[in-house]
Every structure is written in C-alpha cells, then in structure tokens.
All heavy atoms as atom14 arrays in JSON, in Angstrom:
{
  "sequence": "ELAEAEHVVGPLREYIAKEARDYTPLAPSARDEDGPRASAWKIVVNT",
  "atom14_mask": [
    [1, 1, 1, 1, 1, 1, 1, 1, 1, 0, 0, 0, 0, 0],
    [1, 1, 1, 1, 1, 1, 1, 1, 0, 0, 0, 0, 0, 0],
    [1, 1, 1, 1, 1, 0, 0, 0, 0, 0, 0, 0, 0, 0],
    [1, 1, 1, 1, 1, 1, 1, 1, 1, 0, 0, 0, 0, 0],
    [1, 1, 1, 1, 1, 0, 0, 0, 0, 0, 0, 0, 0, 0],
    [1, 1, 1, 1, 1, 1, 1, 1, 1, 0, 0, 0, 0, 0],
    [1, 1, 1, 1, 1, 1, 1, 1, 1, 1, 0, 0, 0, 0],
    [1, 1, 1, 1, 1, 1, 1, 0, 0, 0, 0, 0, 0, 0],
    [1, 1, 1, 1, 1, 1, 1, 0, 0, 0, 0, 0, 0, 0],
    [1, 1, 1, 1, 0, 0, 0, 0, 0, 0, 0, 0, 0, 0],
    [1, 1, 1, 1, 1, 1, 1, 0, 0, 0, 0, 0, 0, 0],
    [1, 1, 1, 1, 1, 1, 1, 1, 0, 0, 0, 0, 0, 0],
    [1, 1, 1, 1, 1, 1, 1, 1, 1, 1, 1, 0, 0, 0],
    [1, 1, 1, 1, 1, 1, 1, 1, 1, 0, 0, 0, 0, 0],
    [1, 1, 1, 1, 1, 1, 1, 1, 1, 1, 1, 1, 0, 0],
    [1, 1, 1, 1, 1, 1, 1, 1, 0, 0, 0, 0, 0, 0],
    [1, 1, 1, 1, 1, 0, 0, 0, 0, 0, 0, 0, 0, 0],
    [1, 1, 1, 1, 1, 1, 1, 1, 1, 0, 0, 0, 0, 0],
    [1, 1, 1, 1, 1, 1, 1, 1, 1, 0, 0, 0, 0, 0],
    [1, 1, 1, 1, 1, 0, 0, 0, 0, 0, 0, 0, 0, 0],
    [1, 1, 1, 1, 1, 1, 1, 1, 1, 1, 1, 0, 0, 0],
    [1, 1, 1, 1, 1, 1, 1, 1, 0, 0, 0, 0, 0, 0],
    [1, 1, 1, 1, 1, 1, 1, 1, 1, 1, 1, 1, 0, 0],
    [1, 1, 1, 1, 1, 1, 1, 0, 0, 0, 0, 0, 0, 0],
    [1, 1, 1, 1, 1, 1, 1, 0, 0, 0, 0, 0, 0, 0],
    [1, 1, 1, 1, 1, 1, 1, 1, 0, 0, 0, 0, 0, 0],
    [1, 1, 1, 1, 1, 0, 0, 0, 0, 0, 0, 0, 0, 0],
    [1, 1, 1, 1, 1, 1, 1, 0, 0, 0, 0, 0, 0, 0],
    [1, 1, 1, 1, 1, 1, 0, 0, 0, 0, 0, 0, 0, 0],
    [1, 1, 1, 1, 1, 0, 0, 0, 0, 0, 0, 0, 0, 0],
    [1, 1, 1, 1, 1, 1, 1, 1, 1, 1, 1, 0, 0, 0],
    [1, 1, 1, 1, 1, 1, 1, 1, 0, 0, 0, 0, 0, 0],
    [1, 1, 1, 1, 1, 1, 1, 1, 1, 0, 0, 0, 0, 0],
    [1, 1, 1, 1, 1, 1, 1, 1, 0, 0, 0, 0, 0, 0],
    [1, 1, 1, 1, 0, 0, 0, 0, 0, 0, 0, 0, 0, 0],
    [1, 1, 1, 1, 1, 1, 1, 0, 0, 0, 0, 0, 0, 0],
    [1, 1, 1, 1, 1, 1, 1, 1, 1, 1, 1, 0, 0, 0],
    [1, 1, 1, 1, 1, 0, 0, 0, 0, 0, 0, 0, 0, 0],
    [1, 1, 1, 1, 1, 1, 0, 0, 0, 0, 0, 0, 0, 0],
    [1, 1, 1, 1, 1, 0, 0, 0, 0, 0, 0, 0, 0, 0],
    [1, 1, 1, 1, 1, 1, 1, 1, 1, 1, 1, 1, 1, 1],
    [1, 1, 1, 1, 1, 1, 1, 1, 1, 0, 0, 0, 0, 0],
    [1, 1, 1, 1, 1, 1, 1, 1, 0, 0, 0, 0, 0, 0],
    [1, 1, 1, 1, 1, 1, 1, 0, 0, 0, 0, 0, 0, 0],
    [1, 1, 1, 1, 1, 1, 1, 0, 0, 0, 0, 0, 0, 0],
    [1, 1, 1, 1, 1, 1, 1, 1, 0, 0, 0, 0, 0, 0],
    [1, 1, 1, 1, 1, 1, 1, 0, 0, 0, 0, 0, 0, 0]
  ],
  "atom14_positions": [
    [[54.38, 270.31, 68.98], [54.64, 271.36, 69.97], [53.8, 271.15, 71.21], [54.28, 271.31, 72.34], [54.34, 272.74, 69.36], [55.43, 273.24, 68.43], [55.29, 274.73, 68.14], [54.18, 275.28, 68.33], [56.29, 275.34, 67.73], [0.0, 0.0, 0.0], [0.0, 0.0, 0.0], [0.0, 0.0, 0.0], [0.0, 0.0, 0.0], [0.0, 0.0, 0.0]],
    [[52.54, 270.77, 71.0], [51.65, 270.52, 72.13], [52.17, 269.36, 72.98], [51.99, 269.35, 74.2], [50.24, 270.2, 71.62], [49.11, 270.16, 72.65], [48.88, 271.55, 73.23], [47.82, 269.65, 72.02], [0.0, 0.0, 0.0], [0.0, 0.0, 0.0], [0.0, 0.0, 0.0], [0.0, 0.0, 0.0], [0.0, 0.0, 0.0], [0.0, 0.0, 0.0]],
    [[52.82, 268.4, 72.33], [53.35, 267.23, 73.03], [54.74, 267.47, 73.59], [55.43, 266.54, 73.99], [53.38, 266.03, 72.08], [0.0, 0.0, 0.0], [0.0, 0.0, 0.0], [0.0, 0.0, 0.0], [0.0, 0.0, 0.0], [0.0, 0.0, 0.0], [0.0, 0.0, 0.0], [0.0, 0.0, 0.0], [0.0, 0.0, 0.0], [0.0, 0.0, 0.0]],
    [[55.15, 268.74, 73.61], [56.44, 269.14, 74.18], [57.61, 268.51, 73.45], [58.59, 268.08, 74.04], [56.48, 268.8, 75.68], [55.39, 269.48, 76.49], [55.42, 269.09, 77.96], [56.3, 268.32, 78.36], [54.54, 269.59, 78.7], [0.0, 0.0, 0.0], [0.0, 0.0, 0.0], [0.0, 0.0, 0.0], [0.0, 0.0, 0.0], [0.0, 0.0, 0.0]],
    [[57.48, 268.45, 72.11], [58.56, 267.9, 71.28], [59.1, 268.99, 70.35], [59.33, 268.75, 69.17], [58.05, 266.71, 70.49], [0.0, 0.0, 0.0], [0.0, 0.0, 0.0], [0.0, 0.0, 0.0], [0.0, 0.0, 0.0], [0.0, 0.0, 0.0], [0.0, 0.0, 0.0], [0.0, 0.0, 0.0], [0.0, 0.0, 0.0], [0.0, 0.0, 0.0]],
    [[59.3, 270.17, 70.91], [59.76, 271.3, 70.1], [61.11, 271.03, 69.44], [61.43, 271.62, 68.4], [59.87, 272.57, 70.97], [58.55, 273.09, 71.51], [58.22, 272.49, 72.88], [58.86, 271.47, 73.24], [57.33, 273.03, 73.56], [0.0, 0.0, 0.0], [0.0, 0.0, 0.0], [0.0, 0.0, 0.0], [0.0, 0.0, 0.0], [0.0, 0.0, 0.0]],
    [[61.9, 270.12, 70.0], [63.24, 269.87, 69.48], [63.24, 269.23, 68.09], [64.28, 269.17, 67.45], [64.02, 268.97, 70.45], [63.4, 267.63, 70.7], [62.25, 267.47, 71.44], [63.77, 266.38, 70.31], [61.93, 266.19, 71.5], [62.84, 265.51, 70.81], [0.0, 0.0, 0.0], [0.0, 0.0, 0.0], [0.0, 0.0, 0.0], [0.0, 0.0, 0.0]],
    [[62.09, 268.74, 67.62], [62.06, 268.09, 66.31], [61.26, 268.88, 65.26], [61.11, 268.42, 64.14], [61.49, 266.65, 66.4], [62.35, 265.8, 67.31], [60.04, 266.65, 66.82], [0.0, 0.0, 0.0], [0.0, 0.0, 0.0], [0.0, 0.0, 0.0], [0.0, 0.0, 0.0], [0.0, 0.0, 0.0], [0.0, 0.0, 0.0], [0.0, 0.0, 0.0]],
    [[60.78, 270.06, 65.61], [59.85, 270.76, 64.7], [60.51, 271.81, 63.81], [59.87, 272.31, 62.89], [58.68, 271.41, 65.47], [57.89, 270.37, 66.24], [59.18, 272.52, 66.38], [0.0, 0.0, 0.0], [0.0, 0.0, 0.0], [0.0, 0.0, 0.0], [0.0, 0.0, 0.0], [0.0, 0.0, 0.0], [0.0, 0.0, 0.0], [0.0, 0.0, 0.0]],
    [[61.78, 272.14, 64.06], [62.42, 273.22, 63.31], [62.31, 273.1, 61.79], [61.74, 273.98, 61.13], [0.0, 0.0, 0.0], [0.0, 0.0, 0.0], [0.0, 0.0, 0.0], [0.0, 0.0, 0.0], [0.0, 0.0, 0.0], [0.0, 0.0, 0.0], [0.0, 0.0, 0.0], [0.0, 0.0, 0.0], [0.0, 0.0, 0.0], [0.0, 0.0, 0.0]],
    [[62.86, 272.03, 61.19], [62.78, 271.89, 59.73], [61.34, 271.81, 59.21], [61.05, 272.31, 58.12], [63.55, 270.59, 59.46], [64.5, 270.48, 60.61], [63.73, 271.0, 61.78], [0.0, 0.0, 0.0], [0.0, 0.0, 0.0], [0.0, 0.0, 0.0], [0.0, 0.0, 0.0], [0.0, 0.0, 0.0], [0.0, 0.0, 0.0], [0.0, 0.0, 0.0]],
    [[60.45, 271.21, 59.99], [59.05, 271.12, 59.56], [58.41, 272.5, 59.57], [57.62, 272.83, 58.67], [58.28, 270.17, 60.48], [56.83, 269.88, 60.08], [56.77, 269.15, 58.73], [56.12, 269.04, 61.15], [0.0, 0.0, 0.0], [0.0, 0.0, 0.0], [0.0, 0.0, 0.0], [0.0, 0.0, 0.0], [0.0, 0.0, 0.0], [0.0, 0.0, 0.0]],
    [[58.75, 273.31, 60.55], [58.21, 274.68, 60.6], [58.66, 275.48, 59.37], [57.88, 276.22, 58.78], [58.67, 275.38, 61.88], [58.04, 276.76, 62.06], [58.6, 277.51, 63.25], [58.18, 276.92, 64.5], [58.99, 276.28, 65.35], [60.28, 276.14, 65.05], [58.54, 275.79, 66.48], [0.0, 0.0, 0.0], [0.0, 0.0, 0.0], [0.0, 0.0, 0.0]],
    [[59.91, 275.29, 58.98], [60.41, 275.99, 57.79], [59.67, 275.51, 56.54], [59.36, 276.32, 55.65], [61.92, 275.74, 57.65], [62.75, 276.36, 58.76], [64.22, 276.02, 58.63], [64.6, 275.41, 57.59], [64.99, 276.34, 59.56], [0.0, 0.0, 0.0], [0.0, 0.0, 0.0], [0.0, 0.0, 0.0], [0.0, 0.0, 0.0], [0.0, 0.0, 0.0]],
    [[59.38, 274.24, 56.47], [58.66, 273.67, 55.33], [57.25, 274.25, 55.25], [56.79, 274.65, 54.17], [58.61, 272.15, 55.48], [57.71, 271.45, 54.48], [58.08, 271.32, 53.15], [56.49, 270.9, 54.89], [57.26, 270.66, 52.23], [55.66, 270.25, 53.98], [56.05, 270.14, 52.67], [55.23, 269.49, 51.77], [0.0, 0.0, 0.0], [0.0, 0.0, 0.0]],
    [[56.58, 274.34, 56.39], [55.23, 274.89, 56.42], [55.23, 276.37, 56.05], [54.37, 276.86, 55.3], [54.58, 274.68, 57.81], [54.4, 273.19, 58.09], [53.25, 275.41, 57.91], [53.55, 272.46, 57.08], [0.0, 0.0, 0.0], [0.0, 0.0, 0.0], [0.0, 0.0, 0.0], [0.0, 0.0, 0.0], [0.0, 0.0, 0.0], [0.0, 0.0, 0.0]],
    [[56.2, 277.1, 56.56], [56.29, 278.53, 56.27], [56.45, 278.77, 54.77], [55.93, 279.75, 54.22], [57.45, 279.16, 57.03], [0.0, 0.0, 0.0], [0.0, 0.0, 0.0], [0.0, 0.0, 0.0], [0.0, 0.0, 0.0], [0.0, 0.0, 0.0], [0.0, 0.0, 0.0], [0.0, 0.0, 0.0], [0.0, 0.0, 0.0], [0.0, 0.0, 0.0]],
    [[57.14, 277.87, 54.11], [57.38, 278.01, 52.68], [56.2, 277.56, 51.83], [55.88, 278.16, 50.8], [58.62, 277.2, 52.3], [58.98, 277.24, 50.82], [60.2, 276.4, 50.53], [60.53, 276.38, 49.05], [61.71, 275.53, 48.75], [0.0, 0.0, 0.0], [0.0, 0.0, 0.0], [0.0, 0.0, 0.0], [0.0, 0.0, 0.0], [0.0, 0.0, 0.0]],
    [[55.51, 276.49, 52.27], [54.51, 275.86, 51.42], [53.06, 276.23, 51.74], [52.21, 276.27, 50.85], [54.64, 274.32, 51.53], [56.0, 273.78, 51.09], [56.26, 273.98, 49.61], [55.27, 274.07, 48.84], [57.43, 274.06, 49.21], [0.0, 0.0, 0.0], [0.0, 0.0, 0.0], [0.0, 0.0, 0.0], [0.0, 0.0, 0.0], [0.0, 0.0, 0.0]],
    [[52.75, 276.48, 53.01], [51.35, 276.67, 53.4], [50.88, 278.09, 53.12], [51.53, 279.07, 53.49], [51.17, 276.34, 54.87], [0.0, 0.0, 0.0], [0.0, 0.0, 0.0], [0.0, 0.0, 0.0], [0.0, 0.0, 0.0], [0.0, 0.0, 0.0], [0.0, 0.0, 0.0], [0.0, 0.0, 0.0], [0.0, 0.0, 0.0], [0.0, 0.0, 0.0]],
    [[49.74, 278.18, 52.47], [49.13, 279.47, 52.18], [47.83, 279.66, 52.95], [47.46, 280.78, 53.29], [48.84, 279.6, 50.67], [50.08, 279.53, 49.81], [50.96, 280.76, 49.97], [52.17, 280.68, 49.14], [53.33, 280.19, 49.58], [53.42, 279.77, 50.83], [54.38, 280.15, 48.79], [0.0, 0.0, 0.0], [0.0, 0.0, 0.0], [0.0, 0.0, 0.0]],
    [[47.14, 278.57, 53.22], [45.83, 278.65, 53.85], [45.85, 278.02, 55.24], [46.63, 277.1, 55.52], [44.78, 277.92, 53.0], [44.68, 278.52, 51.6], [44.7, 279.76, 51.49], [44.59, 277.74, 50.63], [0.0, 0.0, 0.0], [0.0, 0.0, 0.0], [0.0, 0.0, 0.0], [0.0, 0.0, 0.0], [0.0, 0.0, 0.0], [0.0, 0.0, 0.0]],
    [[44.96, 278.51, 56.08], [44.77, 277.9, 57.39], [43.93, 276.63, 57.23], [43.07, 276.54, 56.35], [44.07, 278.88, 58.34], [45.01, 279.84, 59.02], [45.5, 280.95, 58.33], [45.44, 279.63, 60.32], [46.37, 281.84, 58.94], [46.32, 280.51, 60.94], [46.78, 281.6, 60.24], [47.66, 282.47, 60.85], [0.0, 0.0, 0.0], [0.0, 0.0, 0.0]],
    [[44.19, 275.65, 58.09], [43.45, 274.39, 58.07], [42.97, 274.07, 59.47], [43.67, 274.38, 60.45], [44.32, 273.24, 57.51], [43.51, 272.1, 57.27], [45.42, 272.86, 58.49], [0.0, 0.0, 0.0], [0.0, 0.0, 0.0], [0.0, 0.0, 0.0], [0.0, 0.0, 0.0], [0.0, 0.0, 0.0], [0.0, 0.0, 0.0], [0.0, 0.0, 0.0]],
    [[41.78, 273.5, 59.65], [41.3, 273.2, 60.99], [42.08, 272.07, 61.64], [42.48, 271.11, 60.96], [39.84, 272.79, 60.77], [39.79, 272.34, 59.35], [40.78, 273.18, 58.62], [0.0, 0.0, 0.0], [0.0, 0.0, 0.0], [0.0, 0.0, 0.0], [0.0, 0.0, 0.0], [0.0, 0.0, 0.0], [0.0, 0.0, 0.0], [0.0, 0.0, 0.0]],
    [[42.32, 272.18, 62.92], [43.02, 271.14, 63.65], [42.23, 269.83, 63.6], [42.79, 268.76, 63.35], [43.23, 271.57, 65.11], [43.91, 270.55, 66.03], [45.29, 270.16, 65.51], [44.02, 271.13, 67.45], [0.0, 0.0, 0.0], [0.0, 0.0, 0.0], [0.0, 0.0, 0.0], [0.0, 0.0, 0.0], [0.0, 0.0, 0.0], [0.0, 0.0, 0.0]],
    [[40.93, 269.91, 63.82], [40.05, 268.73, 63.75], [39.19, 268.88, 62.5], [38.17, 269.58, 62.51], [39.18, 268.62, 64.99], [0.0, 0.0, 0.0], [0.0, 0.0, 0.0], [0.0, 0.0, 0.0], [0.0, 0.0, 0.0], [0.0, 0.0, 0.0], [0.0, 0.0, 0.0], [0.0, 0.0, 0.0], [0.0, 0.0, 0.0], [0.0, 0.0, 0.0]],
    [[39.56, 268.23, 61.4], [38.81, 268.41, 60.16], [37.39, 267.88, 60.23], [36.53, 268.31, 59.46], [39.64, 267.61, 59.14], [40.41, 266.63, 59.95], [40.7, 267.33, 61.24], [0.0, 0.0, 0.0], [0.0, 0.0, 0.0], [0.0, 0.0, 0.0], [0.0, 0.0, 0.0], [0.0, 0.0, 0.0], [0.0, 0.0, 0.0], [0.0, 0.0, 0.0]],
    [[37.13, 266.96, 61.16], [35.79, 266.39, 61.26], [34.85, 267.22, 62.13], [33.65, 266.97, 62.16], [35.88, 264.96, 61.82], [36.46, 264.98, 63.12], [0.0, 0.0, 0.0], [0.0, 0.0, 0.0], [0.0, 0.0, 0.0], [0.0, 0.0, 0.0], [0.0, 0.0, 0.0], [0.0, 0.0, 0.0], [0.0, 0.0, 0.0], [0.0, 0.0, 0.0]],
    [[35.41, 268.2, 62.85], [34.58, 269.01, 63.74], [33.71, 269.97, 62.93], [34.13, 270.51, 61.91], [35.45, 269.78, 64.72], [0.0, 0.0, 0.0], [0.0, 0.0, 0.0], [0.0, 0.0, 0.0], [0.0, 0.0, 0.0], [0.0, 0.0, 0.0], [0.0, 0.0, 0.0], [0.0, 0.0, 0.0], [0.0, 0.0, 0.0], [0.0, 0.0, 0.0]],
    [[32.5, 270.18, 63.41], [31.59, 271.11, 62.72], [32.07, 272.55, 62.82], [31.94, 273.33, 61.89], [30.18, 270.98, 63.31], [29.52, 269.62, 63.05], [28.12, 269.58, 63.65], [27.48, 268.29, 63.41], [26.27, 267.98, 63.84], [25.57, 268.88, 64.54], [25.75, 266.79, 63.59], [0.0, 0.0, 0.0], [0.0, 0.0, 0.0], [0.0, 0.0, 0.0]],
    [[32.61, 272.88, 63.98], [33.07, 274.25, 64.21], [34.47, 274.43, 63.61], [35.42, 273.77, 64.03], [33.12, 274.53, 65.72], [33.49, 275.98, 66.01], [33.57, 276.78, 65.06], [33.69, 276.31, 67.2], [0.0, 0.0, 0.0], [0.0, 0.0, 0.0], [0.0, 0.0, 0.0], [0.0, 0.0, 0.0], [0.0, 0.0, 0.0], [0.0, 0.0, 0.0]],
    [[34.59, 275.3, 62.63], [35.89, 275.57, 62.02], [36.43, 276.92, 62.44], [37.36, 277.45, 61.82], [35.79, 275.48, 60.5], [35.46, 274.08, 60.01], [35.62, 273.92, 58.51], [36.03, 274.91, 57.86], [35.36, 272.82, 58.01], [0.0, 0.0, 0.0], [0.0, 0.0, 0.0], [0.0, 0.0, 0.0], [0.0, 0.0, 0.0], [0.0, 0.0, 0.0]],
    [[35.88, 277.47, 63.52], [36.37, 278.72, 64.07], [37.16, 278.44, 65.34], [36.93, 277.44, 66.02], [35.22, 279.67, 64.39], [34.5, 280.13, 63.13], [35.19, 280.32, 62.11], [33.27, 280.3, 63.18], [0.0, 0.0, 0.0], [0.0, 0.0, 0.0], [0.0, 0.0, 0.0], [0.0, 0.0, 0.0], [0.0, 0.0, 0.0], [0.0, 0.0, 0.0]],
    [[38.07, 279.33, 65.67], [38.83, 279.18, 66.89], [40.12, 279.97, 66.81], [40.4, 280.63, 65.8], [0.0, 0.0, 0.0], [0.0, 0.0, 0.0], [0.0, 0.0, 0.0], [0.0, 0.0, 0.0], [0.0, 0.0, 0.0], [0.0, 0.0, 0.0], [0.0, 0.0, 0.0], [0.0, 0.0, 0.0], [0.0, 0.0, 0.0], [0.0, 0.0, 0.0]],
    [[40.92, 279.95, 67.87], [42.21, 280.65, 67.85], [43.08, 280.13, 66.71], [42.91, 279.0, 66.24], [42.82, 280.3, 69.22], [41.66, 279.88, 70.06], [40.68, 279.24, 69.13], [0.0, 0.0, 0.0], [0.0, 0.0, 0.0], [0.0, 0.0, 0.0], [0.0, 0.0, 0.0], [0.0, 0.0, 0.0], [0.0, 0.0, 0.0], [0.0, 0.0, 0.0]],
    [[44.02, 280.95, 66.28], [44.87, 280.57, 65.17], [46.32, 280.44, 65.63], [46.85, 281.31, 66.3], [44.77, 281.58, 64.03], [43.35, 281.68, 63.49], [43.28, 282.34, 62.14], [41.97, 282.16, 61.55], [41.7, 282.31, 60.25], [42.66, 282.65, 59.42], [40.48, 282.13, 59.8], [0.0, 0.0, 0.0], [0.0, 0.0, 0.0], [0.0, 0.0, 0.0]],
    [[46.92, 279.3, 65.24], [48.34, 279.08, 65.51], [49.07, 279.45, 64.22], [49.13, 278.66, 63.27], [48.6, 277.63, 65.88], [0.0, 0.0, 0.0], [0.0, 0.0, 0.0], [0.0, 0.0, 0.0], [0.0, 0.0, 0.0], [0.0, 0.0, 0.0], [0.0, 0.0, 0.0], [0.0, 0.0, 0.0], [0.0, 0.0, 0.0], [0.0, 0.0, 0.0]],
    [[49.61, 280.67, 64.18], [50.14, 281.21, 62.93], [51.34, 280.44, 62.41], [51.53, 280.34, 61.19], [50.51, 282.68, 63.12], [51.46, 282.84, 64.16], [0.0, 0.0, 0.0], [0.0, 0.0, 0.0], [0.0, 0.0, 0.0], [0.0, 0.0, 0.0], [0.0, 0.0, 0.0], [0.0, 0.0, 0.0], [0.0, 0.0, 0.0], [0.0, 0.0, 0.0]],
    [[52.18, 279.89, 63.29], [53.38, 279.18, 62.84], [53.02, 277.98, 61.97], [53.78, 277.61, 61.07], [54.2, 278.72, 64.04], [0.0, 0.0, 0.0], [0.0, 0.0, 0.0], [0.0, 0.0, 0.0], [0.0, 0.0, 0.0], [0.0, 0.0, 0.0], [0.0, 0.0, 0.0], [0.0, 0.0, 0.0], [0.0, 0.0, 0.0], [0.0, 0.0, 0.0]],
    [[51.85, 277.38, 62.24], [51.44, 276.18, 61.51], [50.22, 276.43, 60.64], [49.75, 275.51, 59.98], [51.14, 275.06, 62.51], [52.3, 274.78, 63.41], [52.42, 275.09, 64.73], [53.54, 274.18, 63.03], [53.64, 274.73, 65.21], [54.36, 274.15, 64.18], [54.05, 273.66, 61.84], [55.65, 273.63, 64.17], [55.33, 273.13, 61.83], [56.11, 273.13, 62.98]],
    [[49.71, 277.66, 60.66], [48.48, 277.99, 59.94], [47.37, 276.98, 60.29], [46.76, 276.38, 59.42], [48.74, 278.04, 58.43], [49.49, 279.3, 57.98], [49.54, 279.43, 56.49], [49.86, 280.85, 56.04], [50.9, 281.52, 56.78], [0.0, 0.0, 0.0], [0.0, 0.0, 0.0], [0.0, 0.0, 0.0], [0.0, 0.0, 0.0], [0.0, 0.0, 0.0]],
    [[47.17, 276.84, 61.58], [46.16, 275.92, 62.11], [45.07, 276.71, 62.82], [45.36, 277.62, 63.62], [46.79, 274.93, 63.11], [47.54, 273.82, 62.37], [45.76, 274.31, 64.03], [46.66, 272.8, 61.7], [0.0, 0.0, 0.0], [0.0, 0.0, 0.0], [0.0, 0.0, 0.0], [0.0, 0.0, 0.0], [0.0, 0.0, 0.0], [0.0, 0.0, 0.0]],
    [[43.82, 276.37, 62.52], [42.68, 276.88, 63.28], [42.42, 275.9, 64.41], [42.07, 274.74, 64.17], [41.42, 277.02, 62.4], [40.24, 277.53, 63.24], [41.68, 277.95, 61.24], [0.0, 0.0, 0.0], [0.0, 0.0, 0.0], [0.0, 0.0, 0.0], [0.0, 0.0, 0.0], [0.0, 0.0, 0.0], [0.0, 0.0, 0.0], [0.0, 0.0, 0.0]],
    [[42.62, 276.34, 65.65], [42.48, 275.45, 66.8], [41.0, 275.36, 67.16], [40.49, 276.04, 68.05], [43.32, 275.95, 67.98], [43.27, 274.92, 69.13], [44.75, 276.21, 67.56], [0.0, 0.0, 0.0], [0.0, 0.0, 0.0], [0.0, 0.0, 0.0], [0.0, 0.0, 0.0], [0.0, 0.0, 0.0], [0.0, 0.0, 0.0], [0.0, 0.0, 0.0]],
    [[40.29, 274.47, 66.46], [38.84, 274.36, 66.62], [38.43, 273.25, 67.58], [37.26, 272.89, 67.67], [38.17, 274.13, 65.26], [38.6, 272.83, 64.61], [39.68, 272.32, 64.89], [37.78, 272.31, 63.71], [0.0, 0.0, 0.0], [0.0, 0.0, 0.0], [0.0, 0.0, 0.0], [0.0, 0.0, 0.0], [0.0, 0.0, 0.0], [0.0, 0.0, 0.0]],
    [[39.4, 272.7, 68.31], [39.1, 271.69, 69.31], [40.22, 271.7, 70.35], [41.34, 272.12, 70.05], [38.97, 270.29, 68.7], [38.49, 269.37, 69.69], [40.31, 269.77, 68.18], [0.0, 0.0, 0.0], [0.0, 0.0, 0.0], [0.0, 0.0, 0.0], [0.0, 0.0, 0.0], [0.0, 0.0, 0.0], [0.0, 0.0, 0.0], [0.0, 0.0, 0.0]]
  ]
}
C-alpha cells in the first residue's frame, strides 16, 4: 500500500483479516515497538 500498489492487495487483505490475531511491528529489529497502528494489516508502524 505504501508503494502505491493497492491494486494487488485485495486478496491478501482478506487473508490477513481472517488469519491475523496479533499486531506485529513493521521493523522487527527496531528497539521501539510502539507507534501508530495500521489496523487493516495489524501492523505497528514503529519506523
């Protein structure tokens, strides 16, 4: 989505909505795991 490729994310968004229960950090190696949340992807935008 950030790369302006929204036209290919529909089925993936449905898959995430069905399977994901927990939020995950965008940058797993970053020390800070706090930040805005992208609810569609259950992503913590920590970078």
